[in-house]
C-alpha atoms as a PDB file:
ATOM      1  CA  MET A   1      77.579  35.064  86.882  1.00  0.00           C
ATOM      2  CA  THR A   2      79.824  34.358  83.906  1.00  0.00           C
ATOM      3  CA  ASN A   3      82.689  31.925  83.866  1.00  0.00           C
ATOM      4  CA  ASP A   4      86.229  32.519  82.620  1.00  0.00           C
ATOM      5  CA  SER A   5      85.696  30.572  79.392  1.00  0.00           C
ATOM      6  CA  THR A   6      82.669  32.719  78.508  1.00  0.00           C
ATOM      7  CA  VAL A   7      84.652  35.907  79.151  1.00  0.00           C
ATOM      8  CA  GLU A   8      87.593  34.631  77.090  1.00  0.00           C
ATOM      9  CA  SER A   9      85.221  33.654  74.274  1.00  0.00           C
ATOM     10  CA  THR A  10      83.632  37.114  74.322  1.00  0.00           C
ATOM     11  CA  LEU A  11      87.042  38.824  74.357  1.00  0.00           C
ATOM     12  CA  SER A  12      88.177  36.675  71.438  1.00  0.00           C
ATOM     13  CA  ALA A  13      85.026  37.528  69.442  1.00  0.00           C
ATOM     14  CA  TRP A  14      85.428  41.239  70.222  1.00  0.00           C
ATOM     15  CA  GLN A  15      89.078  41.210  69.124  1.00  0.00           C
ATOM     16  CA  ALA A  16      88.263  39.326  65.908  1.00  0.00           C
ATOM     17  CA  GLN A  17      85.483  41.798  65.061  1.00  0.00           C
ATOM     18  CA  LEU A  18      87.785  44.758  65.783  1.00  0.00           C
ATOM     19  CA  GLU A  19      90.524  43.332  63.545  1.00  0.00           C
ATOM     20  CA  GLN A  20      88.012  42.697  60.733  1.00  0.00           C
ATOM     21  CA  VAL A  21      86.732  46.281  60.934  1.00  0.00           C
ATOM     22  CA  ARG A  22      90.270  47.700  60.866  1.00  0.00           C
ATOM     23  CA  ALA A  23      91.361  45.471  57.975  1.00  0.00           C
ATOM     24  CA  ARG A  24      88.257  46.297  55.899  1.00  0.00           C
ATOM     25  CA  ARG A  25      88.751  50.037  56.428  1.00  0.00           C
ATOM     26  CA  LEU A  26      92.429  49.876  55.482  1.00  0.00           C
ATOM     27  CA  GLU A  27      91.832  47.851  52.319  1.00  0.00           C
ATOM     28  CA  ARG A  28      89.305  50.464  51.206  1.00  0.00           C
ATOM     29  CA  GLY A  29      91.738  53.312  51.750  1.00  0.00           C
ATOM     30  CA  GLY A  30      90.283  54.396  55.092  1.00  0.00           C
ATOM     31  CA  GLY A  31      91.535  53.937  58.592  1.00  0.00           C
ATOM     32  CA  HIS A  32      92.659  57.515  59.117  1.00  0.00           C
ATOM     33  CA  ALA A  33      91.230  60.438  61.026  1.00  0.00           C
ATOM     34  CA  GLY A  34      89.854  63.434  59.197  1.00  0.00           C
ATOM     35  CA  LEU A  35      86.784  65.428  58.317  1.00  0.00           C
ATOM     36  CA  ALA A  36      84.177  64.347  55.813  1.00  0.00           C
ATOM     37  CA  THR A  37      83.357  67.006  53.252  1.00  0.00           C
ATOM     38  CA  PRO A  38      79.762  68.177  52.786  1.00  0.00           C
ATOM     39  CA  GLN A  39      79.887  66.664  49.271  1.00  0.00           C
ATOM     40  CA  GLN A  40      80.784  63.240  50.716  1.00  0.00           C
ATOM     41  CA  VAL A  41      77.727  63.124  52.980  1.00  0.00           C
ATOM     42  CA  HIS A  42      75.205  65.093  50.909  1.00  0.00           C
ATOM     43  CA  GLY A  43      72.151  63.036  50.007  1.00  0.00           C
ATOM     44  CA  LYS A  44      73.018  60.199  52.391  1.00  0.00           C
ATOM     45  CA  THR A  45      70.896  59.051  55.303  1.00  0.00           C
ATOM     46  CA  GLY A  46      72.486  58.979  58.732  1.00  0.00           C
ATOM     47  CA  LEU A  47      72.847  55.204  58.515  1.00  0.00           C
ATOM     48  CA  GLN A  48      74.552  55.518  55.126  1.00  0.00           C
ATOM     49  CA  VAL A  49      77.010  58.069  56.550  1.00  0.00           C
ATOM     50  CA  MET A  50      77.743  55.869  59.558  1.00  0.00           C
ATOM     51  CA  THR A  51      78.175  52.815  57.318  1.00  0.00           C
ATOM     52  CA  ALA A  52      80.646  54.766  55.163  1.00  0.00           C
ATOM     53  CA  LEU A  53      82.606  55.577  58.352  1.00  0.00           C
ATOM     54  CA  LEU A  54      82.577  51.940  59.444  1.00  0.00           C
ATOM     55  CA  GLU A  55      83.678  50.762  56.010  1.00  0.00           C
ATOM     56  CA  GLY A  56      86.504  53.299  55.681  1.00  0.00           C
ATOM     57  CA  GLU A  57      84.900  55.259  52.857  1.00  0.00           C
ATOM     58  CA  LEU A  58      84.855  58.322  55.134  1.00  0.00           C
ATOM     59  CA  PRO A  59      87.541  59.270  57.653  1.00  0.00           C
ATOM     60  CA  HIS A  60      86.823  58.601  61.308  1.00  0.00           C
ATOM     61  CA  PRO A  61      86.745  61.526  63.770  1.00  0.00           C
ATOM     62  CA  TYR A  62      89.986  62.741  65.336  1.00  0.00           C
ATOM     63  CA  MET A  63      88.392  62.194  68.765  1.00  0.00           C
ATOM     64  CA  ALA A  64      88.316  58.452  68.078  1.00  0.00           C
ATOM     65  CA  ASP A  65      92.124  58.489  67.916  1.00  0.00           C
ATOM     66  CA  THR A  66      92.358  60.573  71.083  1.00  0.00           C
ATOM     67  CA  PHE A  67      90.176  58.124  72.996  1.00  0.00           C
ATOM     68  CA  ASP A  68      91.377  54.998  71.182  1.00  0.00           C
ATOM     69  CA  CYS A  69      87.854  53.906  70.399  1.00  0.00           C
ATOM     70  CA  GLU A  70      86.580  52.174  67.308  1.00  0.00           C
ATOM     71  CA  LEU A  71      83.147  51.947  65.758  1.00  0.00           C
ATOM     72  CA  VAL A  72      82.656  48.183  65.401  1.00  0.00           C
ATOM     73  CA  GLU A  73      78.975  47.634  64.686  1.00  0.00           C
ATOM     74  CA  LEU A  74      75.940  49.491  63.320  1.00  0.00           C
ATOM     75  CA  GLY A  75      72.274  48.964  62.789  1.00  0.00           C
ATOM     76  CA  ASP A  76      69.053  50.919  62.514  1.00  0.00           C
ATOM     77  CA  GLY A  77      69.122  52.821  65.814  1.00  0.00           C
ATOM     78  CA  LEU A  78      72.272  51.026  67.012  1.00  0.00           C
ATOM     79  CA  ALA A  79      75.919  52.067  67.321  1.00  0.00           C
ATOM     80  CA  VAL A  80      78.570  49.972  69.091  1.00  0.00           C
ATOM     81  CA  PHE A  81      82.064  51.201  69.972  1.00  0.00           C
ATOM     82  CA  GLN A  82      84.994  49.388  71.542  1.00  0.00           C
ATOM     83  CA  ALA A  83      87.636  51.100  73.665  1.00  0.00           C
ATOM     84  CA  THR A  84      90.339  50.210  76.145  1.00  0.00           C
ATOM     85  CA  PRO A  85      91.236  52.740  78.841  1.00  0.00           C
ATOM     86  CA  GLN A  86      94.908  53.722  78.809  1.00  0.00           C
ATOM     87  CA  LEU A  87      97.185  55.620  81.150  1.00  0.00           C
ATOM     88  CA  LYS A  88      96.726  58.778  79.041  1.00  0.00           C
ATOM     89  CA  HIS A  89      93.027  58.663  80.025  1.00  0.00           C
ATOM     90  CA  TYR A  90      93.781  58.846  83.775  1.00  0.00           C
ATOM     91  CA  ASN A  91      93.163  61.823  86.001  1.00  0.00           C
ATOM     92  CA  PRO A  92      95.855  63.024  88.465  1.00  0.00           C
ATOM     93  CA  LEU A  93      94.369  60.822  91.202  1.00  0.00           C
ATOM     94  CA  GLY A  94      95.226  57.639  89.297  1.00  0.00           C
ATOM     95  CA  SER A  95      91.860  56.573  87.907  1.00  0.00           C
ATOM     96  CA  VAL A  96      90.184  56.808  84.524  1.00  0.00           C
ATOM     97  CA  HIS A  97      88.874  60.343  84.035  1.00  0.00           C
ATOM     98  CA  GLY A  98      85.109  60.753  83.977  1.00  0.00           C
ATOM     99  CA  GLY A  99      85.467  62.530  80.643  1.00  0.00           C
ATOM    100  CA  TRP A 100      86.630  59.242  79.105  1.00  0.00           C
ATOM    101  CA  TYR A 101      83.331  57.600  80.036  1.00  0.00           C
ATOM    102  CA  ALA A 102      81.361  60.671  78.929  1.00  0.00           C
ATOM    103  CA  THR A 103      83.086  60.823  75.551  1.00  0.00           C
ATOM    104  CA  LEU A 104      82.706  57.129  74.827  1.00  0.00           C
ATOM    105  CA  LEU A 105      79.046  57.265  75.807  1.00  0.00           C
ATOM    106  CA  ASP A 106      78.516  60.419  73.704  1.00  0.00           C
ATOM    107  CA  PHE A 107      79.961  58.641  70.645  1.00  0.00           C
ATOM    108  CA  ALA A 108      77.449  55.794  70.950  1.00  0.00           C
ATOM    109  CA  LEU A 109      74.513  57.975  72.007  1.00  0.00           C
ATOM    110  CA  GLY A 110      74.860  60.424  69.132  1.00  0.00           C
ATOM    111  CA  CYS A 111      75.676  57.859  66.485  1.00  0.00           C
ATOM    112  CA  ALA A 112      72.640  55.753  67.459  1.00  0.00           C
ATOM    113  CA  VAL A 113      70.486  58.823  66.805  1.00  0.00           C
ATOM    114  CA  GLN A 114      72.337  59.550  63.563  1.00  0.00           C
ATOM    115  CA  THR A 115      71.537  56.088  62.176  1.00  0.00           C
ATOM    116  CA  LYS A 116      67.844  57.051  62.246  1.00  0.00           C
ATOM    117  CA  LEU A 117      68.179  60.396  60.442  1.00  0.00           C
ATOM    118  CA  PRO A 118      66.927  60.890  56.883  1.00  0.00           C
ATOM    119  CA  ALA A 119      69.137  62.498  54.251  1.00  0.00           C
ATOM    120  CA  GLY A 120      69.503  66.230  54.764  1.00  0.00           C
ATOM    121  CA  ARG A 121      69.234  66.120  58.564  1.00  0.00           C
ATOM    122  CA  SER A 122      71.993  66.460  61.177  1.00  0.00           C
ATOM    123  CA  TYR A 123      72.165  66.456  64.959  1.00  0.00           C
ATOM    124  CA  THR A 124      74.153  67.754  67.896  1.00  0.00           C
ATOM    125  CA  THR A 125      74.149  66.665  71.521  1.00  0.00           C
ATOM    126  CA  SER A 126      72.193  69.142  73.617  1.00  0.00           C
ATOM    127  CA  GLN A 127      72.085  67.243  76.912  1.00  0.00           C
ATOM    128  CA  ILE A 128      73.744  64.157  78.382  1.00  0.00           C
ATOM    129  CA  ASN A 129      73.108  62.467  81.705  1.00  0.00           C
ATOM    130  CA  LEU A 130      75.611  59.835  82.740  1.00  0.00           C
ATOM    131  CA  ASN A 131      76.196  57.507  85.637  1.00  0.00           C
ATOM    132  CA  ILE A 132      79.530  55.805  86.326  1.00  0.00           C
ATOM    133  CA  VAL A 133      78.826  52.708  88.383  1.00  0.00           C
ATOM    134  CA  ARG A 134      82.147  50.811  88.272  1.00  0.00           C
ATOM    135  CA  ALA A 135      85.746  51.938  87.929  1.00  0.00           C
ATOM    136  CA  ASP A 136      87.876  50.687  85.067  1.00  0.00           C
ATOM    137  CA  SER A 137      91.622  50.868  84.561  1.00  0.00           C
ATOM    138  CA  THR A 138      94.405  49.959  82.160  1.00  0.00           C
ATOM    139  CA  ARG A 139      94.001  46.384  83.472  1.00  0.00           C
ATOM    140  CA  THR A 140      90.298  46.210  82.612  1.00  0.00           C
ATOM    141  CA  GLY A 141      90.885  45.474  78.942  1.00  0.00           C
ATOM    142  CA  PRO A 142      88.452  46.304  76.162  1.00  0.00           C
ATOM    143  CA  LEU A 143      84.987  47.566  76.935  1.00  0.00           C
ATOM    144  CA  ARG A 144      81.999  47.929  74.642  1.00  0.00           C
ATOM    145  CA  CYS A 145      79.685  50.925  74.526  1.00  0.00           C
ATOM    146  CA  VAL A 146      76.306  50.105  73.022  1.00  0.00           C
ATOM    147  CA  GLY A 147      74.050  52.994  72.011  1.00  0.00           C
ATOM    148  CA  THR A 148      70.378  52.553  71.168  1.00  0.00           C
ATOM    149  CA  ALA A 149      68.060  55.221  69.770  1.00  0.00           C
ATOM    150  CA  LEU A 150      64.840  55.606  71.739  1.00  0.00           C
ATOM    151  CA  HIS A 151      63.062  58.352  69.783  1.00  0.00           C
ATOM    152  CA  VAL A 152      64.112  60.278  66.699  1.00  0.00           C
ATOM    153  CA  GLY A 153      61.709  62.931  65.490  1.00  0.00           C
ATOM    154  CA  ARG A 154      62.001  66.006  63.322  1.00  0.00           C
ATOM    155  CA  GLN A 155      63.622  68.232  65.985  1.00  0.00           C
ATOM    156  CA  VAL A 156      64.603  65.992  68.898  1.00  0.00           C
ATOM    157  CA  GLY A 157      66.269  62.607  69.251  1.00  0.00           C
ATOM    158  CA  THR A 158      66.891  60.615  72.417  1.00  0.00           C
ATOM    159  CA  SER A 159      69.024  57.562  73.051  1.00  0.00           C
ATOM    160  CA  GLU A 160      70.587  55.474  75.784  1.00  0.00           C
ATOM    161  CA  ALA A 161      73.972  53.771  76.007  1.00  0.00           C
ATOM    162  CA  ARG A 162      75.792  51.363  78.279  1.00  0.00           C
ATOM    163  CA  ILE A 163      79.502  50.608  78.746  1.00  0.00           C
ATOM    164  CA  VAL A 164      79.947  46.920  79.532  1.00  0.00           C
ATOM    165  CA  GLY A 165      82.802  44.497  79.985  1.00  0.00           C
ATOM    166  CA  PRO A 166      83.120  41.102  78.303  1.00  0.00           C
ATOM    167  CA  ASP A 167      81.738  39.583  81.503  1.00  0.00           C
ATOM    168  CA  GLY A 168      78.563  41.634  81.091  1.00  0.00           C
ATOM    169  CA  LYS A 169      79.353  43.928  84.038  1.00  0.00           C
ATOM    170  CA  LEU A 170      78.052  47.466  83.693  1.00  0.00           C
ATOM    171  CA  TYR A 171      80.628  50.270  84.021  1.00  0.00           C
ATOM    172  CA  ALA A 172      78.529  53.291  83.064  1.00  0.00           C
ATOM    173  CA  HIS A 173      75.259  54.226  81.411  1.00  0.00           C
ATOM    174  CA  ALA A 174      73.803  57.404  79.987  1.00  0.00           C
ATOM    175  CA  THR A 175      70.928  59.034  78.162  1.00  0.00           C
ATOM    176  CA  THR A 176      71.018  61.968  75.793  1.00  0.00           C
ATOM    177  CA  THR A 177      68.830  64.474  74.050  1.00  0.00           C
ATOM    178  CA  CYS A 178      69.987  65.595  70.615  1.00  0.00           C
ATOM    179  CA  ALA A 179      68.819  68.624  68.664  1.00  0.00           C
ATOM    180  CA  ILE A 180      68.003  67.684  65.067  1.00  0.00           C
ATOM    181  CA  PHE A 181      68.256  70.250  62.295  1.00  0.00           C
ATOM    182  CA  GLU A 182      68.527  70.654  58.541  1.00  0.00           C
ATOM    183  CA  SER A 183      72.030  70.044  57.189  1.00  0.00           C
ATOM    184  CA  PRO A 184      73.526  72.948  55.298  1.00  0.00           C
ATOM    185  CA  PRO A 185      73.841  72.202  51.577  1.00  0.00           C
ATOM    186  CA  PRO A 186      77.346  71.767  50.182  1.00  0.00           C
ATOM    187  CA  ALA A 187      78.908  74.906  48.748  1.00  0.00           C
ATOM    188  CA  ALA A 188      78.778  75.112  44.967  1.00  0.00           C
END
């Protein structure tokens, strides 16, 4: 069981990290949604591409704006996103739509796999299995989604991810299988 001061400390650290990421991206000319060109990613490993996204050297995906989620941390086989559910993410019954959880988990699951890819390789999600174990709401505040690669081979990658609150409570978890393939070369 966590106490209120631990939760407040975690929330403060999360907010500081989020602000640092946003400031760094903006000072480097990033911070906007868009599509990376094949020339921008050609010759880069998956981790290099993801680092360029985190640093604002590449635009972030439009879906990140739609779901108000931010990539906040990366590592070899690791991708961490932060998101806060909003009213626009609710279903007609007055709760956060399951697609919000699925999308946030898919971000972390796929990006964890991508960090392990060599240059010239890409991926796409081919299967996702998710479990929502706790409801969140606009009052929940920020949540973190931590994705970890389990296996990344030549044709298949697998990963797992968890959505957690600053108190450590689990909201949802998922696993994925990704198809891995050769990236098309940039057009001349």
